[in-house]
Amino acid sequence: MAPKILVVDDEQDFLDLLSYDLRNSGFDILTANTGMAGLNMARRHLPDVILLDLQLPDIDGLSVCEILRKQPSTARIPVVLVTAMSGEIVRANGVVSGADHFLPKPLDRAAVCNCVEKVLRARDAQLEAEAAAPEGALPMSSRA
């Protein structure tokens, strides 16, 4: 079964292009064009990775990420923030909100697929480590 990727962005052309690239790389794709729609899709479909724009028309991406992290069913889904905004404050706020990684816009199409694969490998390694850990041991966080 192909990994499921949820892409949340309000720019339809961006969604279409990114979805096309990710599908061609073997991923199943879900899309949403608002923060609320993204939250609902994440809760309903439990994707393997979420690519999340920061600037959305209803709820900003940082708030969406924080909500995802507070809900047990979505708390461990890796979130990659995709943004045209730059700077250390944006990155620091992203880390505080629970983001796992950042991708700057405009996107390098190959870099997106590489990032998703890297995030999936890290998630899989963490799950394997947790499965092998003695019962009662505290899991290590994958976020840096």
Foldseek 3Di string as FASTA:
>chain_A
DAFEEEEEAQDVVVVVVLCVLVVVVPHHYHYHDALVVSLVCCQVPVGQEYEAEQDGDPHGRLVSLLVLCVDPSRNLRAYEYEYQDDDPVVVVSNVVSPHAYYAYPPGDSVVVNVVVVVSNVLSVVQVVVVVPDDPPDDGDDSHD
